C-alpha cells in the first residue's frame, strides 16, 4: 500500500535541517573559516538524547562547508562529544557559544534559549545573525534588531 502523503512528509522532514543551513548561508554567505554557534543538540528539551537529532545533520553540514562550529546544550554535551569528537568546539554556556560568532542556529527549544533577547545576541556575537529553527522568537521583533530567519522543523 503506497502512502504518498506520508512519504512526502518524511522527505520534507529529512530535508529541513539542510534548509536551516541554507538560511544561515543567506544571512552570512560562505561558511569557510567563520564561527557558527549551534544552540541545542538534543532532539528535544529536557533530555540528553541526541540519537537521530537534526542537530547532527546541521553540524556535520556546517563542518563539511568549512565553518568553525561551536556547540552548546544544557544536557547533551557528553553525548555530542561521542558523535562530533574534535570536529567542533564545545562551549560551557550560551554566552561562550555565542561569543564572537557570526551566526547562531537554534536547534532545540530549551527554556534557556527562549529567554534570549535580540540584545543578548548583539552583545555576544561578532555579527548578530540568527536562524531560529524552532520558531521560539518573535520574527517581527528580532528582524528589526538583527539579521534573522525562522523555520520550524520536526
Foldseek 3Di string as FASTA:
>chain_A
DDDVVVVVQVVCQVCLLVVLVVLQCVAPNQQAPAEEEEEDQALEPPDLHNVVRSVLVNLVVSLVRHHAYEYEYPRNPVVVCVRCPPSHHYDPDPLRRLAQHQEYEYRYPYVSVLPDDLVSSVVRYPARAYEYQCPSDDCVRNVVRHHYHYHYHD
